[in-house]
Amino acid sequence: MTAVEVIDQIKALPAQELARVIDFVQGLESPQRRVRTVDPKTFEEAARSVFDQHAELMQKLSQ
């Protein structure tokens, strides 16, 4: 079976089965897949914490 045939088979899957394929593919080890993301709220809280803890340094850096 060629890659194109596999892709066509995957496209024809019901949503639940397609989700399982997606989970499997995302679980494969890949250097490109090792990007971590954080939700905006968590980022905002972390940034605020850093700025609050290092206010003097941030003030100097902004000049």
PDB file of N, CA and C in Angstrom:
ATOM      1  N   MET A   1       0.852  -1.173   0.000  1.00  0.00           N
ATOM      2  CA  MET A   1       0.000   0.000   0.000  1.00  0.00           C
ATOM      3  C   MET A   1       0.901   1.240   0.000  1.00  0.00           C
ATOM      4  N   THR A   2       0.566   2.193  -0.833  1.00  0.00           N
ATOM      5  CA  THR A   2       1.366   3.417  -0.911  1.00  0.00           C
ATOM      6  C   THR A   2       0.917   4.407   0.158  1.00  0.00           C
ATOM      7  N   ALA A   3       1.729   5.422   0.373  1.00  0.00           N
ATOM      8  CA  ALA A   3       1.387   6.460   1.346  1.00  0.00           C
ATOM      9  C   ALA A   3       0.087   7.158   0.948  1.00  0.00           C
ATOM     10  N   VAL A   4      -0.086   7.392  -0.331  1.00  0.00           N
ATOM     11  CA  VAL A   4      -1.311   8.049  -0.806  1.00  0.00           C
ATOM     12  C   VAL A   4      -2.531   7.189  -0.486  1.00  0.00           C
ATOM     13  N   GLU A   5      -2.402   5.885  -0.658  1.00  0.00           N
ATOM     14  CA  GLU A   5      -3.516   4.984  -0.345  1.00  0.00           C
ATOM     15  C   GLU A   5      -3.812   4.987   1.157  1.00  0.00           C
ATOM     16  N   VAL A   6      -2.762   5.011   1.956  1.00  0.00           N
ATOM     17  CA  VAL A   6      -2.957   5.071   3.414  1.00  0.00           C
ATOM     18  C   VAL A   6      -3.661   6.366   3.790  1.00  0.00           C
ATOM     19  N   ILE A   7      -3.222   7.457   3.213  1.00  0.00           N
ATOM     20  CA  ILE A   7      -3.839   8.762   3.500  1.00  0.00           C
ATOM     21  C   ILE A   7      -5.312   8.752   3.099  1.00  0.00           C
ATOM     22  N   ASP A   8      -5.608   8.195   1.955  1.00  0.00           N
ATOM     23  CA  ASP A   8      -7.012   8.105   1.514  1.00  0.00           C
ATOM     24  C   ASP A   8      -7.842   7.271   2.487  1.00  0.00           C
ATOM     25  N   GLN A   9      -7.271   6.174   2.977  1.00  0.00           N
ATOM     26  CA  GLN A   9      -7.962   5.338   3.952  1.00  0.00           C
ATOM     27  C   GLN A   9      -8.210   6.115   5.250  1.00  0.00           C
ATOM     28  N   ILE A  10      -7.212   6.870   5.676  1.00  0.00           N
ATOM     29  CA  ILE A  10      -7.349   7.662   6.908  1.00  0.00           C
ATOM     30  C   ILE A  10      -8.435   8.719   6.740  1.00  0.00           C
ATOM     31  N   LYS A  11      -8.454   9.374   5.596  1.00  0.00           N
ATOM     32  CA  LYS A  11      -9.470  10.403   5.330  1.00  0.00           C
ATOM     33  C   LYS A  11     -10.882   9.833   5.382  1.00  0.00           C
ATOM     34  N   ALA A  12     -11.022   8.558   5.069  1.00  0.00           N
ATOM     35  CA  ALA A  12     -12.348   7.927   5.026  1.00  0.00           C
ATOM     36  C   ALA A  12     -12.814   7.415   6.395  1.00  0.00           C
ATOM     37  N   LEU A  13     -11.977   7.517   7.404  1.00  0.00           N
ATOM     38  CA  LEU A  13     -12.337   6.996   8.726  1.00  0.00           C
ATOM     39  C   LEU A  13     -13.417   7.836   9.398  1.00  0.00           C
ATOM     40  N   PRO A  14     -14.226   7.203  10.246  1.00  0.00           N
ATOM     41  CA  PRO A  14     -15.167   7.969  11.068  1.00  0.00           C
ATOM     42  C   PRO A  14     -14.381   8.836  12.068  1.00  0.00           C
ATOM     43  N   ALA A  15     -15.014   9.850  12.571  1.00  0.00           N
ATOM     44  CA  ALA A  15     -14.348  10.830  13.443  1.00  0.00           C
ATOM     45  C   ALA A  15     -13.625  10.187  14.625  1.00  0.00           C
ATOM     46  N   GLN A  16     -14.241   9.224  15.264  1.00  0.00           N
ATOM     47  CA  GLN A  16     -13.637   8.602  16.438  1.00  0.00           C
ATOM     48  C   GLN A  16     -12.353   7.846  16.069  1.00  0.00           C
ATOM     49  N   GLU A  17     -12.384   7.135  14.959  1.00  0.00           N
ATOM     50  CA  GLU A  17     -11.200   6.411  14.512  1.00  0.00           C
ATOM     51  C   GLU A  17     -10.117   7.388  14.036  1.00  0.00           C
ATOM     52  N   LEU A  18     -10.523   8.446  13.374  1.00  0.00           N
ATOM     53  CA  LEU A  18      -9.574   9.463  12.920  1.00  0.00           C
ATOM     54  C   LEU A  18      -8.856  10.087  14.118  1.00  0.00           C
ATOM     55  N   ALA A  19      -9.577  10.320  15.186  1.00  0.00           N
ATOM     56  CA  ALA A  19      -8.978  10.880  16.403  1.00  0.00           C
ATOM     57  C   ALA A  19      -7.916   9.937  16.954  1.00  0.00           C
ATOM     58  N   ARG A  20      -8.155   8.642  16.880  1.00  0.00           N
ATOM     59  CA  ARG A  20      -7.162   7.662  17.357  1.00  0.00           C
ATOM     60  C   ARG A  20      -5.910   7.700  16.491  1.00  0.00           C
ATOM     61  N   VAL A  21      -6.092   7.851  15.187  1.00  0.00           N
ATOM     62  CA  VAL A  21      -4.941   7.946  14.279  1.00  0.00           C
ATOM     63  C   VAL A  21      -4.143   9.218  14.581  1.00  0.00           C
ATOM     64  N   ILE A  22      -4.836  10.310  14.785  1.00  0.00           N
ATOM     65  CA  ILE A  22      -4.171  11.577  15.092  1.00  0.00           C
ATOM     66  C   ILE A  22      -3.386  11.468  16.392  1.00  0.00           C
ATOM     67  N   ASP A  23      -3.978  10.868  17.412  1.00  0.00           N
ATOM     68  CA  ASP A  23      -3.269  10.670  18.679  1.00  0.00           C
ATOM     69  C   ASP A  23      -2.008   9.836  18.473  1.00  0.00           C
ATOM     70  N   PHE A  24      -2.117   8.791  17.662  1.00  0.00           N
ATOM     71  CA  PHE A  24      -0.960   7.940  17.398  1.00  0.00           C
ATOM     72  C   PHE A  24       0.145   8.716  16.695  1.00  0.00           C
ATOM     73  N   VAL A  25      -0.214   9.432  15.654  1.00  0.00           N
ATOM     74  CA  VAL A  25       0.785  10.173  14.879  1.00  0.00           C
ATOM     75  C   VAL A  25       1.442  11.247  15.731  1.00  0.00           C
ATOM     76  N   GLN A  26       0.661  11.932  16.536  1.00  0.00           N
ATOM     77  CA  GLN A  26       1.229  12.969  17.398  1.00  0.00           C
ATOM     78  C   GLN A  26       2.151  12.377  18.457  1.00  0.00           C
ATOM     79  N   GLY A  27       1.950  11.123  18.795  1.00  0.00           N
ATOM     80  CA  GLY A  27       2.787  10.480  19.791  1.00  0.00           C
ATOM     81  C   GLY A  27       4.112   9.982  19.245  1.00  0.00           C
ATOM     82  N   LEU A  28       4.263   9.978  17.934  1.00  0.00           N
ATOM     83  CA  LEU A  28       5.522   9.525  17.338  1.00  0.00           C
ATOM     84  C   LEU A  28       6.639  10.499  17.678  1.00  0.00           C
ATOM     85  N   GLU A  29       7.828   9.968  17.899  1.00  0.00           N
ATOM     86  CA  GLU A  29       8.980  10.810  18.209  1.00  0.00           C
ATOM     87  C   GLU A  29       9.395  11.558  16.944  1.00  0.00           C
ATOM     88  N   SER A  30       9.491  12.864  17.052  1.00  0.00           N
ATOM     89  CA  SER A  30       9.940  13.686  15.936  1.00  0.00           C
ATOM     90  C   SER A  30      10.564  14.948  16.493  1.00  0.00           C
ATOM     91  N   PRO A  31      11.744  15.333  16.000  1.00  0.00           N
ATOM     92  CA  PRO A  31      12.368  16.567  16.489  1.00  0.00           C
ATOM     93  C   PRO A  31      11.467  17.795  16.283  1.00  0.00           C
ATOM     94  N   GLN A  32      10.697  17.796  15.210  1.00  0.00           N
ATOM     95  CA  GLN A  32       9.814  18.923  14.939  1.00  0.00           C
ATOM     96  C   GLN A  32       8.624  18.951  15.888  1.00  0.00           C
ATOM     97  N   ARG A  33       8.289  17.835  16.470  1.00  0.00           N
ATOM     98  CA  ARG A  33       7.109  17.733  17.318  1.00  0.00           C
ATOM     99  C   ARG A  33       7.407  18.108  18.760  1.00  0.00           C
ATOM    100  N   ARG A  34       8.633  18.387  19.099  1.00  0.00           N
ATOM    101  CA  ARG A  34       9.005  18.642  20.479  1.00  0.00           C
ATOM    102  C   ARG A  34       8.809  20.098  20.899  1.00  0.00           C
ATOM    103  N   VAL A  35       7.948  20.808  20.220  1.00  0.00           N
ATOM    104  CA  VAL A  35       7.652  22.189  20.569  1.00  0.00           C
ATOM    105  C   VAL A  35       6.590  22.192  21.653  1.00  0.00           C
ATOM    106  N   ARG A  36       6.892  22.853  22.756  1.00  0.00           N
ATOM    107  CA  ARG A  36       5.918  22.928  23.848  1.00  0.00           C
ATOM    108  C   ARG A  36       5.210  24.272  23.774  1.00  0.00           C
ATOM    109  N   THR A  37       3.947  24.263  24.069  1.00  0.00           N
ATOM    110  CA  THR A  37       3.187  25.502  24.101  1.00  0.00           C
ATOM    111  C   THR A  37       2.506  25.625  25.459  1.00  0.00           C
ATOM    112  N   VAL A  38       2.098  26.823  25.764  1.00  0.00           N
ATOM    113  CA  VAL A  38       1.421  27.077  27.027  1.00  0.00           C
ATOM    114  C   VAL A  38       0.203  27.942  26.715  1.00  0.00           C
ATOM    115  N   ASP A  39      -0.837  27.737  27.455  1.00  0.00           N
ATOM    116  CA  ASP A  39      -2.032  28.533  27.190  1.00  0.00           C
ATOM    117  C   ASP A  39      -1.766  29.990  27.606  1.00  0.00           C
ATOM    118  N   PRO A  40      -2.443  30.933  26.979  1.00  0.00           N
ATOM    119  CA  PRO A  40      -2.187  32.351  27.227  1.00  0.00           C
ATOM    120  C   PRO A  40      -2.327  32.762  28.698  1.00  0.00           C
ATOM    121  N   LYS A  41      -3.284  32.196  29.410  1.00  0.00           N
ATOM    122  CA  LYS A  41      -3.486  32.572  30.813  1.00  0.00           C
ATOM    123  C   LYS A  41      -2.273  32.168  31.659  1.00  0.00           C
ATOM    124  N   THR A  42      -1.763  30.964  31.454  1.00  0.00           N
ATOM    125  CA  THR A  42      -0.595  30.492  32.193  1.00  0.00           C
ATOM    126  C   THR A  42       0.617  31.358  31.868  1.00  0.00           C
ATOM    127  N   PHE A  43       0.791  31.704  30.594  1.00  0.00           N
ATOM    128  CA  PHE A  43       1.905  32.568  30.196  1.00  0.00           C
ATOM    129  C   PHE A  43       1.799  33.930  30.871  1.00  0.00           C
ATOM    130  N   GLU A  44       0.612  34.489  30.846  1.00  0.00           N
ATOM    131  CA  GLU A  44       0.380  35.803  31.468  1.00  0.00           C
ATOM    132  C   GLU A  44       0.739  35.771  32.958  1.00  0.00           C
ATOM    133  N   GLU A  45       0.314  34.730  33.655  1.00  0.00           N
ATOM    134  CA  GLU A  45       0.612  34.608  35.083  1.00  0.00           C
ATOM    135  C   GLU A  45       2.116  34.473  35.331  1.00  0.00           C
ATOM    136  N   ALA A  46       2.787  33.674  34.505  1.00  0.00           N
ATOM    137  CA  ALA A  46       4.232  33.491  34.663  1.00  0.00           C
ATOM    138  C   ALA A  46       4.980  34.785  34.368  1.00  0.00           C
ATOM    139  N   ALA A  47       4.589  35.482  33.311  1.00  0.00           N
ATOM    140  CA  ALA A  47       5.240  36.739  32.962  1.00  0.00           C
ATOM    141  C   ALA A  47       5.041  37.774  34.069  1.00  0.00           C
ATOM    142  N   ARG A  48       3.836  37.874  34.575  1.00  0.00           N
ATOM    143  CA  ARG A  48       3.552  38.828  35.649  1.00  0.00           C
ATOM    144  C   ARG A  48       4.401  38.506  36.885  1.00  0.00           C
ATOM    145  N   SER A  49       4.530  37.231  37.200  1.00  0.00           N
ATOM    146  CA  SER A  49       5.333  36.814  38.342  1.00  0.00           C
ATOM    147  C   SER A  49       6.798  37.227  38.171  1.00  0.00           C
ATOM    148  N   VAL A  50       7.342  36.990  36.975  1.00  0.00           N
ATOM    149  CA  VAL A  50       8.740  37.363  36.715  1.00  0.00           C
ATOM    150  C   VAL A  50       8.913  38.871  36.819  1.00  0.00           C
ATOM    151  N   PHE A  51       8.026  39.629  36.219  1.00  0.00           N
ATOM    152  CA  PHE A  51       8.131  41.087  36.267  1.00  0.00           C
ATOM    153  C   PHE A  51       7.979  41.604  37.689  1.00  0.00           C
ATOM    154  N   ASP A  52       7.077  41.009  38.460  1.00  0.00           N
ATOM    155  CA  ASP A  52       6.887  41.428  39.852  1.00  0.00           C
ATOM    156  C   ASP A  52       8.119  41.116  40.699  1.00  0.00           C
ATOM    157  N   GLN A  53       8.709  39.953  40.504  1.00  0.00           N
ATOM    158  CA  GLN A  53       9.861  39.548  41.299  1.00  0.00           C
ATOM    159  C   GLN A  53      11.128  40.313  40.927  1.00  0.00           C
ATOM    160  N   HIS A  54      11.188  40.811  39.701  1.00  0.00           N
ATOM    161  CA  HIS A  54      12.403  41.471  39.215  1.00  0.00           C
ATOM    162  C   HIS A  54      12.094  42.872  38.678  1.00  0.00           C
ATOM    163  N   ALA A  55      11.257  43.576  39.392  1.00  0.00           N
ATOM    164  CA  ALA A  55      10.799  44.892  38.939  1.00  0.00           C
ATOM    165  C   ALA A  55      11.954  45.855  38.701  1.00  0.00           C
ATOM    166  N   GLU A  56      12.914  45.883  39.599  1.00  0.00           N
ATOM    167  CA  GLU A  56      14.040  46.821  39.461  1.00  0.00           C
ATOM    168  C   GLU A  56      14.848  46.504  38.198  1.00  0.00           C
ATOM    169  N   LEU A  57      15.135  45.246  37.981  1.00  0.00           N
ATOM    170  CA  LEU A  57      15.878  44.844  36.791  1.00  0.00           C
ATOM    171  C   LEU A  57      15.098  45.183  35.526  1.00  0.00           C
ATOM    172  N   MET A  58      13.813  44.927  35.522  1.00  0.00           N
ATOM    173  CA  MET A  58      12.983  45.239  34.350  1.00  0.00           C
ATOM    174  C   MET A  58      12.962  46.736  34.065  1.00  0.00           C
ATOM    175  N   GLN A  59      12.950  47.539  35.121  1.00  0.00           N
ATOM    176  CA  GLN A  59      12.987  48.987  34.967  1.00  0.00           C
ATOM    177  C   GLN A  59      14.298  49.418  34.296  1.00  0.00           C
ATOM    178  N   LYS A  60      15.415  48.844  34.745  1.00  0.00           N
ATOM    179  CA  LYS A  60      16.713  49.183  34.173  1.00  0.00           C
ATOM    180  C   LYS A  60      16.803  48.728  32.714  1.00  0.00           C
ATOM    181  N   LEU A  61      16.276  47.566  32.419  1.00  0.00           N
ATOM    182  CA  LEU A  61      16.325  47.054  31.043  1.00  0.00           C
ATOM    183  C   LEU A  61      15.479  47.888  30.086  1.00  0.00           C
ATOM    184  N   SER A  62      14.452  48.500  30.585  1.00  0.00           N
ATOM    185  CA  SER A  62      13.558  49.277  29.720  1.00  0.00           C
ATOM    186  C   SER A  62      14.097  50.664  29.413  1.00  0.00           C
ATOM    187  N   GLN A  63      15.173  51.062  30.061  1.00  0.00           N
ATOM    188  CA  GLN A  63      15.732  52.411  29.820  1.00  0.00           C
ATOM    189  C   GLN A  63      16.679  52.425  28.646  1.00  0.00           C
TER     190      GLN A  63
END
